[in-house]
Structure formats: C-alpha cells, structure tokens
C-alpha cells in the first residue's frame, strides 16, 4: 500500500531528520539510531560525568598434559610448585602464561603473576580458587 504525501512512518521521519547520513541497510540505520538515543540519554542523565571505558580480557586455564609414566595430568611450574594439588593452576592470556598458583608445603602456596593482573586481582583469583575447593 502506498502512502499519501502527508503520511509517513516513524522510520521515514527519522531518515528525513538525519538527511546528511545515508544508510546502506536497515541494520546500519537501527544501530545509528540506537547510538543516537544512548547519547541523548547519557547527556540527559549526567553531562558532568566522564565516560567510563571498559575493557574485557579473555583468559583461560592452561590445560595439563598427560604424563604416561606417572599416569597423572601435570603442569610445568618451572620448579616453583613442589606438591601436587587440585588447587594448582596456571592462567594464560594471548598464549602467554600470566599467572600461576600452587602448593609448596602443607598449608603454604606460591603465587606468581604479571600484567594484566594487579597484586589484588591475582590474590583474589587465588583466594577464590582455594575457598571454592574447600567444599
């Protein structure tokens, strides 16, 4: 059905209001409109607050290798971890080891870390690992 000259949909009105930008498809148009609405809401809520930049870093536990002679899974801690424990772990970021935690004596552990971990973050991860496994 064709609309008369006086009628227009909401989308057509938005397109007419922003005539300086041409949109290739509906998805591009919708994303642009969403960004515009978010900017307007952000400005209305607080124009004095600086914009918060969030970064998301994806890390994972390093998978242990099977040791055929001792019939156990093992990680190479470079001599820093001396006792076997289910609490021992290593974390990798972009293919590099950035944290390791493991038992060295009955109730003593070692914690090694580097960027992107701060001391507090590394300690929090290690503490969560120990307390989670106490159950």
C-alpha atoms as a PDB file:
ATOM      1  CA  UNK A   1       0.000   0.000   0.000  1.00  0.00           C
ATOM      2  CA  UNK A   2       1.379   3.376  -0.961  1.00  0.00           C
ATOM      3  CA  UNK A   3       1.127   6.255   1.490  1.00  0.00           C
ATOM      4  CA  UNK A   4      -0.136   9.661   0.544  1.00  0.00           C
ATOM      5  CA  UNK A   5       2.238  12.615   0.673  1.00  0.00           C
ATOM      6  CA  UNK A   6       1.016  13.676   4.128  1.00  0.00           C
ATOM      7  CA  UNK A   7       1.608  10.276   5.739  1.00  0.00           C
ATOM      8  CA  UNK A   8       4.965   8.892   6.818  1.00  0.00           C
ATOM      9  CA  UNK A   9       6.158   6.144   9.103  1.00  0.00           C
ATOM     10  CA  UNK A  10       8.339   6.731  12.153  1.00  0.00           C
ATOM     11  CA  UNK A  11      11.355   5.280  10.342  1.00  0.00           C
ATOM     12  CA  UNK A  12      10.840   7.564   7.358  1.00  0.00           C
ATOM     13  CA  UNK A  13      10.628  10.528   9.704  1.00  0.00           C
ATOM     14  CA  UNK A  14      13.892   9.534  11.344  1.00  0.00           C
ATOM     15  CA  UNK A  15      15.533   9.173   7.951  1.00  0.00           C
ATOM     16  CA  UNK A  16      14.268  12.580   6.905  1.00  0.00           C
ATOM     17  CA  UNK A  17      15.514  14.168  10.147  1.00  0.00           C
ATOM     18  CA  UNK A  18      19.011  12.829   9.547  1.00  0.00           C
ATOM     19  CA  UNK A  19      19.276  13.507   5.844  1.00  0.00           C
ATOM     20  CA  UNK A  20      23.026  14.138   5.961  1.00  0.00           C
ATOM     21  CA  UNK A  21      23.752  10.432   6.586  1.00  0.00           C
ATOM     22  CA  UNK A  22      22.868   7.728   4.093  1.00  0.00           C
ATOM     23  CA  UNK A  23      22.311   4.215   5.415  1.00  0.00           C
ATOM     24  CA  UNK A  24      23.161   1.088   3.426  1.00  0.00           C
ATOM     25  CA  UNK A  25      20.703  -1.215   5.153  1.00  0.00           C
ATOM     26  CA  UNK A  26      18.177  -1.424   7.964  1.00  0.00           C
ATOM     27  CA  UNK A  27      20.702  -2.823  10.461  1.00  0.00           C
ATOM     28  CA  UNK A  28      23.069   0.120   9.956  1.00  0.00           C
ATOM     29  CA  UNK A  29      20.163   2.522  10.334  1.00  0.00           C
ATOM     30  CA  UNK A  30      18.957   0.834  13.543  1.00  0.00           C
ATOM     31  CA  UNK A  31      22.432   0.842  15.082  1.00  0.00           C
ATOM     32  CA  UNK A  32      22.853   4.528  14.279  1.00  0.00           C
ATOM     33  CA  UNK A  33      19.506   5.337  15.855  1.00  0.00           C
ATOM     34  CA  UNK A  34      20.360   3.321  18.971  1.00  0.00           C
ATOM     35  CA  UNK A  35      23.695   5.133  19.343  1.00  0.00           C
ATOM     36  CA  UNK A  36      21.936   8.475  18.955  1.00  0.00           C
ATOM     37  CA  UNK A  37      19.336   7.599  21.609  1.00  0.00           C
ATOM     38  CA  UNK A  38      22.022   6.379  24.024  1.00  0.00           C
ATOM     39  CA  UNK A  39      23.986   9.606  23.561  1.00  0.00           C
ATOM     40  CA  UNK A  40      20.864  11.662  24.249  1.00  0.00           C
ATOM     41  CA  UNK A  41      20.016   9.659  27.376  1.00  0.00           C
ATOM     42  CA  UNK A  42      23.610   9.842  28.604  1.00  0.00           C
ATOM     43  CA  UNK A  43      23.691  13.593  28.161  1.00  0.00           C
ATOM     44  CA  UNK A  44      20.351  13.955  29.939  1.00  0.00           C
ATOM     45  CA  UNK A  45      21.420  11.827  32.928  1.00  0.00           C
ATOM     46  CA  UNK A  46      24.741  13.476  33.617  1.00  0.00           C
ATOM     47  CA  UNK A  47      26.788  15.604  31.326  1.00  0.00           C
ATOM     48  CA  UNK A  48      29.446  16.212  34.005  1.00  0.00           C
ATOM     49  CA  UNK A  49      30.414  12.524  34.423  1.00  0.00           C
ATOM     50  CA  UNK A  50      33.321  11.325  32.304  1.00  0.00           C
ATOM     51  CA  UNK A  51      32.637   8.328  30.082  1.00  0.00           C
ATOM     52  CA  UNK A  52      33.735   5.030  31.627  1.00  0.00           C
ATOM     53  CA  UNK A  53      35.841   2.873  29.340  1.00  0.00           C
ATOM     54  CA  UNK A  54      35.507  -0.861  29.953  1.00  0.00           C
ATOM     55  CA  UNK A  55      37.956  -3.457  28.734  1.00  0.00           C
ATOM     56  CA  UNK A  56      37.261  -7.153  28.633  1.00  0.00           C
ATOM     57  CA  UNK A  57      40.210  -9.542  28.670  1.00  0.00           C
ATOM     58  CA  UNK A  58      39.702 -13.203  27.831  1.00  0.00           C
ATOM     59  CA  UNK A  59      41.953 -15.625  29.702  1.00  0.00           C
ATOM     60  CA  UNK A  60      41.824 -19.352  30.267  1.00  0.00           C
ATOM     61  CA  UNK A  61      43.293 -22.072  32.447  1.00  0.00           C
ATOM     62  CA  UNK A  62      46.243 -23.822  30.893  1.00  0.00           C
ATOM     63  CA  UNK A  63      45.338 -27.435  30.171  1.00  0.00           C
ATOM     64  CA  UNK A  64      47.560 -30.024  31.889  1.00  0.00           C
ATOM     65  CA  UNK A  65      49.465 -32.619  29.867  1.00  0.00           C
ATOM     66  CA  UNK A  66      49.109 -36.360  30.499  1.00  0.00           C
ATOM     67  CA  UNK A  67      52.271 -37.952  31.932  1.00  0.00           C
ATOM     68  CA  UNK A  68      52.285 -41.548  30.747  1.00  0.00           C
ATOM     69  CA  UNK A  69      54.990 -42.744  33.175  1.00  0.00           C
ATOM     70  CA  UNK A  70      53.302 -41.443  36.344  1.00  0.00           C
ATOM     71  CA  UNK A  71      49.735 -41.728  34.949  1.00  0.00           C
ATOM     72  CA  UNK A  72      48.718 -38.213  36.044  1.00  0.00           C
ATOM     73  CA  UNK A  73      47.965 -34.856  34.451  1.00  0.00           C
ATOM     74  CA  UNK A  74      50.760 -32.332  35.041  1.00  0.00           C
ATOM     75  CA  UNK A  75      51.577 -28.673  34.507  1.00  0.00           C
ATOM     76  CA  UNK A  76      55.124 -27.319  34.280  1.00  0.00           C
ATOM     77  CA  UNK A  77      55.546 -24.787  37.085  1.00  0.00           C
ATOM     78  CA  UNK A  78      59.277 -24.332  36.476  1.00  0.00           C
ATOM     79  CA  UNK A  79      60.165 -25.716  39.906  1.00  0.00           C
ATOM     80  CA  UNK A  80      58.053 -23.121  41.744  1.00  0.00           C
ATOM     81  CA  UNK A  81      55.339 -25.585  42.832  1.00  0.00           C
ATOM     82  CA  UNK A  82      56.570 -28.637  44.730  1.00  0.00           C
ATOM     83  CA  UNK A  83      53.418 -30.504  45.773  1.00  0.00           C
ATOM     84  CA  UNK A  84      50.557 -31.978  43.781  1.00  0.00           C
ATOM     85  CA  UNK A  85      47.203 -30.374  44.485  1.00  0.00           C
ATOM     86  CA  UNK A  86      43.853 -29.888  42.803  1.00  0.00           C
ATOM     87  CA  UNK A  87      44.298 -26.200  43.724  1.00  0.00           C
ATOM     88  CA  UNK A  88      47.339 -25.748  41.466  1.00  0.00           C
ATOM     89  CA  UNK A  89      46.599 -23.806  38.274  1.00  0.00           C
ATOM     90  CA  UNK A  90      48.052 -21.619  35.545  1.00  0.00           C
ATOM     91  CA  UNK A  91      46.275 -18.894  33.578  1.00  0.00           C
ATOM     92  CA  UNK A  92      47.139 -17.893  30.012  1.00  0.00           C
ATOM     93  CA  UNK A  93      46.425 -14.630  28.213  1.00  0.00           C
ATOM     94  CA  UNK A  94      47.103 -14.343  24.475  1.00  0.00           C
ATOM     95  CA  UNK A  95      49.134 -17.553  24.546  1.00  0.00           C
ATOM     96  CA  UNK A  96      51.381 -16.403  27.421  1.00  0.00           C
ATOM     97  CA  UNK A  97      51.292 -17.617  30.987  1.00  0.00           C
ATOM     98  CA  UNK A  98      50.359 -14.620  33.165  1.00  0.00           C
ATOM     99  CA  UNK A  99      49.578 -16.286  36.498  1.00  0.00           C
ATOM    100  CA  UNK A 100      50.366 -19.471  38.369  1.00  0.00           C
ATOM    101  CA  UNK A 101      49.339 -20.650  41.798  1.00  0.00           C
ATOM    102  CA  UNK A 102      50.330 -23.830  43.573  1.00  0.00           C
ATOM    103  CA  UNK A 103      51.101 -25.632  46.795  1.00  0.00           C
ATOM    104  CA  UNK A 104      54.688 -25.680  48.064  1.00  0.00           C
ATOM    105  CA  UNK A 105      54.087 -27.128  51.551  1.00  0.00           C
ATOM    106  CA  UNK A 106      51.203 -28.385  53.702  1.00  0.00           C
ATOM    107  CA  UNK A 107      49.425 -25.030  54.028  1.00  0.00           C
ATOM    108  CA  UNK A 108      51.807 -22.834  52.022  1.00  0.00           C
ATOM    109  CA  UNK A 109      51.277 -21.705  48.448  1.00  0.00           C
ATOM    110  CA  UNK A 110      53.142 -19.672  45.865  1.00  0.00           C
ATOM    111  CA  UNK A 111      51.544 -17.079  43.594  1.00  0.00           C
ATOM    112  CA  UNK A 112      53.282 -15.658  40.524  1.00  0.00           C
ATOM    113  CA  UNK A 113      51.581 -13.077  38.316  1.00  0.00           C
ATOM    114  CA  UNK A 114      52.202 -10.351  35.764  1.00  0.00           C
ATOM    115  CA  UNK A 115      50.232  -7.948  33.591  1.00  0.00           C
ATOM    116  CA  UNK A 116      47.256  -7.811  33.156  1.00  0.00           C
ATOM    117  CA  UNK A 117      46.856  -8.839  36.813  1.00  0.00           C
ATOM    118  CA  UNK A 118      47.440  -6.449  39.684  1.00  0.00           C
ATOM    119  CA  UNK A 119      48.522  -7.892  43.044  1.00  0.00           C
ATOM    120  CA  UNK A 120      44.993  -7.523  44.407  1.00  0.00           C
ATOM    121  CA  UNK A 121      43.386  -9.181  41.380  1.00  0.00           C
ATOM    122  CA  UNK A 122      45.831 -12.105  41.420  1.00  0.00           C
ATOM    123  CA  UNK A 123      45.294 -12.616  45.152  1.00  0.00           C
ATOM    124  CA  UNK A 124      41.509 -12.508  44.684  1.00  0.00           C
ATOM    125  CA  UNK A 125      41.656 -15.185  41.959  1.00  0.00           C
ATOM    126  CA  UNK A 126      43.912 -17.392  44.109  1.00  0.00           C
ATOM    127  CA  UNK A 127      41.721 -16.931  47.182  1.00  0.00           C
ATOM    128  CA  UNK A 128      38.585 -17.762  45.213  1.00  0.00           C
ATOM    129  CA  UNK A 129      40.281 -20.909  43.910  1.00  0.00           C
ATOM    130  CA  UNK A 130      41.269 -22.082  47.409  1.00  0.00           C
ATOM    131  CA  UNK A 131      37.935 -21.322  49.071  1.00  0.00           C
ATOM    132  CA  UNK A 132      35.885 -22.746  46.190  1.00  0.00           C
ATOM    133  CA  UNK A 133      37.619 -26.098  46.568  1.00  0.00           C
ATOM    134  CA  UNK A 134      37.102 -26.315  50.347  1.00  0.00           C
ATOM    135  CA  UNK A 135      33.594 -27.738  49.929  1.00  0.00           C
END
